[in-house]
Amino acid sequence: MTQQYYIPVPLEQAIKEYTDQELIEVISNTEHRLEKNKYDVNAAAICFYDAAKTEWVARHGDKPCPRIISTAEFVFEGDIYEVF
């Protein structure tokens, strides 16, 4: 049986390998969670969010990050109908 070893990589180095789409998803999802309930976001998620925002600014300067609709926002209350 072979053992797999994972070498830890600093967050700032790992985030540089993310695509722009992945950065947008991280930023949008975290911002949505912060707006909905700020207590739902822990310190690790805030560090991940800060690293993603820093990488976005490093790549695109002052250009704002586009906002995407997260899967959590797709649920519309009241749109669920009972079948009789």
N, C-alpha and C. Protein backbone atom coordinates (compact mmCIF):
# COMPACT_ATOMS: atom_id res chain seq x y z
N MET A 1 0.83 -1.16 0.00
CA MET A 1 0.00 0.00 0.00
C MET A 1 0.89 1.25 0.00
N THR A 2 0.65 2.14 -0.93
CA THR A 2 1.47 3.36 -1.01
C THR A 2 0.81 4.46 -0.19
N GLN A 3 1.65 5.26 0.42
CA GLN A 3 1.16 6.38 1.21
C GLN A 3 1.31 7.66 0.40
N GLN A 4 0.32 8.51 0.52
CA GLN A 4 0.39 9.80 -0.16
C GLN A 4 0.73 10.88 0.87
N TYR A 5 1.64 11.74 0.48
CA TYR A 5 2.04 12.83 1.34
C TYR A 5 1.67 14.13 0.66
N TYR A 6 1.10 15.03 1.42
CA TYR A 6 0.74 16.35 0.90
C TYR A 6 1.66 17.37 1.54
N ILE A 7 2.30 18.14 0.71
CA ILE A 7 3.20 19.17 1.19
C ILE A 7 2.40 20.46 1.35
N PRO A 8 2.38 21.04 2.56
CA PRO A 8 1.62 22.27 2.75
C PRO A 8 2.21 23.42 1.93
N VAL A 9 1.32 24.21 1.38
CA VAL A 9 1.72 25.36 0.57
C VAL A 9 1.11 26.61 1.20
N PRO A 10 1.86 27.69 1.33
CA PRO A 10 1.29 28.92 1.87
C PRO A 10 0.10 29.39 1.03
N LEU A 11 -0.87 29.98 1.70
CA LEU A 11 -2.10 30.42 1.03
C LEU A 11 -1.81 31.42 -0.09
N GLU A 12 -0.91 32.36 0.15
CA GLU A 12 -0.59 33.36 -0.86
C GLU A 12 0.00 32.74 -2.12
N GLN A 13 0.73 31.64 -1.96
CA GLN A 13 1.31 30.96 -3.11
C GLN A 13 0.25 30.11 -3.82
N ALA A 14 -0.61 29.45 -3.07
CA ALA A 14 -1.64 28.60 -3.66
C ALA A 14 -2.67 29.41 -4.43
N ILE A 15 -3.02 30.59 -3.93
CA ILE A 15 -4.05 31.41 -4.57
C ILE A 15 -3.58 31.95 -5.92
N LYS A 16 -2.29 32.02 -6.13
CA LYS A 16 -1.76 32.49 -7.41
C LYS A 16 -2.05 31.51 -8.55
N GLU A 17 -2.32 30.26 -8.22
CA GLU A 17 -2.63 29.25 -9.23
C GLU A 17 -4.11 29.22 -9.59
N TYR A 18 -4.95 29.99 -8.89
CA TYR A 18 -6.38 30.04 -9.18
C TYR A 18 -6.62 30.81 -10.47
N THR A 19 -7.63 30.40 -11.21
CA THR A 19 -8.05 31.16 -12.39
C THR A 19 -8.89 32.35 -11.94
N ASP A 20 -9.13 33.27 -12.87
CA ASP A 20 -9.97 34.42 -12.54
C ASP A 20 -11.37 33.98 -12.13
N GLN A 21 -11.91 32.97 -12.79
CA GLN A 21 -13.25 32.47 -12.47
C GLN A 21 -13.30 31.92 -11.05
N GLU A 22 -12.27 31.20 -10.65
CA GLU A 22 -12.23 30.66 -9.29
C GLU A 22 -12.12 31.78 -8.25
N LEU A 23 -11.34 32.81 -8.56
CA LEU A 23 -11.25 33.96 -7.66
C LEU A 23 -12.60 34.64 -7.51
N ILE A 24 -13.30 34.82 -8.63
CA ILE A 24 -14.62 35.47 -8.60
C ILE A 24 -15.59 34.65 -7.75
N GLU A 25 -15.55 33.33 -7.88
CA GLU A 25 -16.43 32.47 -7.09
C GLU A 25 -16.14 32.58 -5.60
N VAL A 26 -14.87 32.57 -5.23
CA VAL A 26 -14.49 32.68 -3.82
C VAL A 26 -14.96 34.02 -3.25
N ILE A 27 -14.69 35.09 -3.97
CA ILE A 27 -15.05 36.43 -3.50
C ILE A 27 -16.56 36.59 -3.42
N SER A 28 -17.28 36.16 -4.45
CA SER A 28 -18.74 36.31 -4.47
C SER A 28 -19.41 35.49 -3.37
N ASN A 29 -19.00 34.25 -3.22
CA ASN A 29 -19.60 33.40 -2.19
C ASN A 29 -19.36 33.94 -0.79
N THR A 30 -18.15 34.40 -0.53
CA THR A 30 -17.84 34.93 0.80
C THR A 30 -18.61 36.22 1.06
N GLU A 31 -18.69 37.10 0.06
CA GLU A 31 -19.45 38.34 0.25
C GLU A 31 -20.93 38.06 0.48
N HIS A 32 -21.47 37.07 -0.22
CA HIS A 32 -22.87 36.70 -0.01
C HIS A 32 -23.08 36.18 1.41
N ARG A 33 -22.18 35.33 1.88
CA ARG A 33 -22.29 34.80 3.24
C ARG A 33 -22.14 35.90 4.28
N LEU A 34 -21.28 36.89 4.02
CA LEU A 34 -21.11 38.01 4.95
C LEU A 34 -22.37 38.87 5.00
N GLU A 35 -23.02 39.07 3.85
CA GLU A 35 -24.24 39.87 3.82
C GLU A 35 -25.39 39.15 4.51
N LYS A 36 -25.48 37.84 4.31
CA LYS A 36 -26.59 37.08 4.85
C LYS A 36 -26.47 36.91 6.37
N ASN A 37 -25.31 36.48 6.82
CA ASN A 37 -25.08 36.27 8.25
C ASN A 37 -23.58 36.33 8.51
N LYS A 38 -23.11 37.41 9.09
CA LYS A 38 -21.67 37.57 9.28
C LYS A 38 -21.08 36.53 10.23
N TYR A 39 -21.91 35.91 11.06
CA TYR A 39 -21.42 34.91 12.00
C TYR A 39 -21.25 33.55 11.33
N ASP A 40 -21.67 33.44 10.08
CA ASP A 40 -21.53 32.20 9.32
C ASP A 40 -20.13 32.05 8.74
N VAL A 41 -19.35 33.12 8.77
CA VAL A 41 -18.02 33.14 8.16
C VAL A 41 -16.97 33.13 9.27
N ASN A 42 -16.09 32.12 9.26
CA ASN A 42 -15.07 32.03 10.30
C ASN A 42 -13.78 32.73 9.87
N ALA A 43 -12.80 32.73 10.75
CA ALA A 43 -11.54 33.44 10.51
C ALA A 43 -10.78 32.87 9.32
N ALA A 44 -10.84 31.56 9.12
CA ALA A 44 -10.14 30.95 7.99
C ALA A 44 -10.75 31.41 6.67
N ALA A 45 -12.08 31.52 6.62
CA ALA A 45 -12.74 31.99 5.40
C ALA A 45 -12.40 33.45 5.13
N ILE A 46 -12.27 34.25 6.18
CA ILE A 46 -11.89 35.66 6.00
C ILE A 46 -10.47 35.76 5.45
N CYS A 47 -9.55 34.94 5.94
CA CYS A 47 -8.18 34.94 5.42
C CYS A 47 -8.16 34.52 3.95
N PHE A 48 -8.95 33.51 3.60
CA PHE A 48 -9.06 33.05 2.22
C PHE A 48 -9.63 34.16 1.33
N TYR A 49 -10.66 34.84 1.83
CA TYR A 49 -11.28 35.95 1.12
C TYR A 49 -10.29 37.10 0.90
N ASP A 50 -9.55 37.45 1.95
CA ASP A 50 -8.55 38.52 1.84
C ASP A 50 -7.45 38.17 0.84
N ALA A 51 -7.01 36.92 0.84
CA ALA A 51 -5.98 36.49 -0.11
C ALA A 51 -6.52 36.55 -1.54
N ALA A 52 -7.79 36.16 -1.73
CA ALA A 52 -8.40 36.21 -3.06
C ALA A 52 -8.55 37.66 -3.54
N LYS A 53 -8.99 38.55 -2.64
CA LYS A 53 -9.12 39.97 -3.02
C LYS A 53 -7.75 40.58 -3.35
N THR A 54 -6.73 40.23 -2.57
CA THR A 54 -5.38 40.73 -2.82
C THR A 54 -4.87 40.26 -4.17
N GLU A 55 -5.11 39.00 -4.50
CA GLU A 55 -4.69 38.46 -5.80
C GLU A 55 -5.46 39.13 -6.94
N TRP A 56 -6.75 39.40 -6.72
CA TRP A 56 -7.55 40.08 -7.75
C TRP A 56 -6.97 41.48 -8.03
N VAL A 57 -6.63 42.21 -6.98
CA VAL A 57 -6.06 43.55 -7.14
C VAL A 57 -4.69 43.47 -7.81
N ALA A 58 -3.91 42.45 -7.48
CA ALA A 58 -2.59 42.30 -8.10
C ALA A 58 -2.73 42.03 -9.61
N ARG A 59 -3.76 41.29 -10.00
CA ARG A 59 -3.95 40.97 -11.42
C ARG A 59 -4.64 42.07 -12.19
N HIS A 60 -5.64 42.72 -11.58
CA HIS A 60 -6.51 43.63 -12.33
C HIS A 60 -6.51 45.06 -11.83
N GLY A 61 -5.73 45.37 -10.84
CA GLY A 61 -5.66 46.75 -10.34
C GLY A 61 -6.96 47.17 -9.67
N ASP A 62 -7.44 48.37 -10.00
CA ASP A 62 -8.64 48.92 -9.37
C ASP A 62 -9.93 48.45 -10.01
N LYS A 63 -9.85 47.56 -10.99
CA LYS A 63 -11.06 47.05 -11.65
C LYS A 63 -11.89 46.26 -10.64
N PRO A 64 -13.20 46.54 -10.54
CA PRO A 64 -14.01 45.81 -9.55
C PRO A 64 -14.19 44.35 -9.93
N CYS A 65 -14.33 43.54 -8.93
CA CYS A 65 -14.55 42.10 -9.16
C CYS A 65 -16.01 41.88 -9.51
N PRO A 66 -16.31 41.19 -10.61
CA PRO A 66 -17.71 40.93 -10.95
C PRO A 66 -18.37 40.03 -9.91
N ARG A 67 -19.64 40.23 -9.72
CA ARG A 67 -20.40 39.45 -8.74
C ARG A 67 -21.22 38.39 -9.47
N ILE A 68 -21.10 37.16 -9.03
CA ILE A 68 -21.91 36.09 -9.61
C ILE A 68 -22.93 35.65 -8.57
N ILE A 69 -23.99 35.04 -9.04
CA ILE A 69 -25.02 34.54 -8.14
C ILE A 69 -24.59 33.16 -7.66
N SER A 70 -24.47 33.02 -6.36
CA SER A 70 -24.06 31.73 -5.80
C SER A 70 -25.23 30.76 -5.82
N THR A 71 -24.92 29.49 -5.66
CA THR A 71 -25.98 28.47 -5.68
C THR A 71 -26.93 28.65 -4.51
N ALA A 72 -26.46 29.23 -3.42
CA ALA A 72 -27.33 29.47 -2.26
C ALA A 72 -28.39 30.52 -2.57
N GLU A 73 -28.10 31.43 -3.51
CA GLU A 73 -29.06 32.47 -3.86
C GLU A 73 -30.10 32.00 -4.87
N PHE A 74 -29.96 30.80 -5.42
CA PHE A 74 -30.90 30.29 -6.41
C PHE A 74 -32.22 29.85 -5.79
N VAL A 75 -32.24 29.63 -4.50
CA VAL A 75 -33.45 29.16 -3.84
C VAL A 75 -34.36 30.37 -3.60
N PHE A 76 -35.51 30.34 -4.22
CA PHE A 76 -36.47 31.42 -4.07
C PHE A 76 -37.59 30.93 -3.16
N GLU A 77 -37.79 31.61 -2.07
CA GLU A 77 -38.87 31.23 -1.18
C GLU A 77 -40.20 31.58 -1.83
N GLY A 78 -41.16 30.73 -1.70
CA GLY A 78 -42.47 30.98 -2.29
C GLY A 78 -42.61 30.42 -3.68
N ASP A 79 -41.55 29.97 -4.29
CA ASP A 79 -41.63 29.40 -5.63
C ASP A 79 -41.87 27.90 -5.61
N ILE A 80 -41.99 27.34 -4.43
CA ILE A 80 -42.21 25.91 -4.31
C ILE A 80 -43.71 25.68 -4.11
N TYR A 81 -44.29 24.96 -5.02
CA TYR A 81 -45.73 24.70 -4.99
C TYR A 81 -45.96 23.22 -4.69
N GLU A 82 -47.00 22.98 -3.90
CA GLU A 82 -47.36 21.60 -3.59
C GLU A 82 -48.19 21.05 -4.74
N VAL A 83 -47.96 19.82 -5.08
CA VAL A 83 -48.73 19.16 -6.13
C VAL A 83 -49.90 18.44 -5.47
N PHE A 84 -51.10 18.72 -5.94
CA PHE A 84 -52.30 18.09 -5.37
C PHE A 84 -52.70 16.91 -6.19
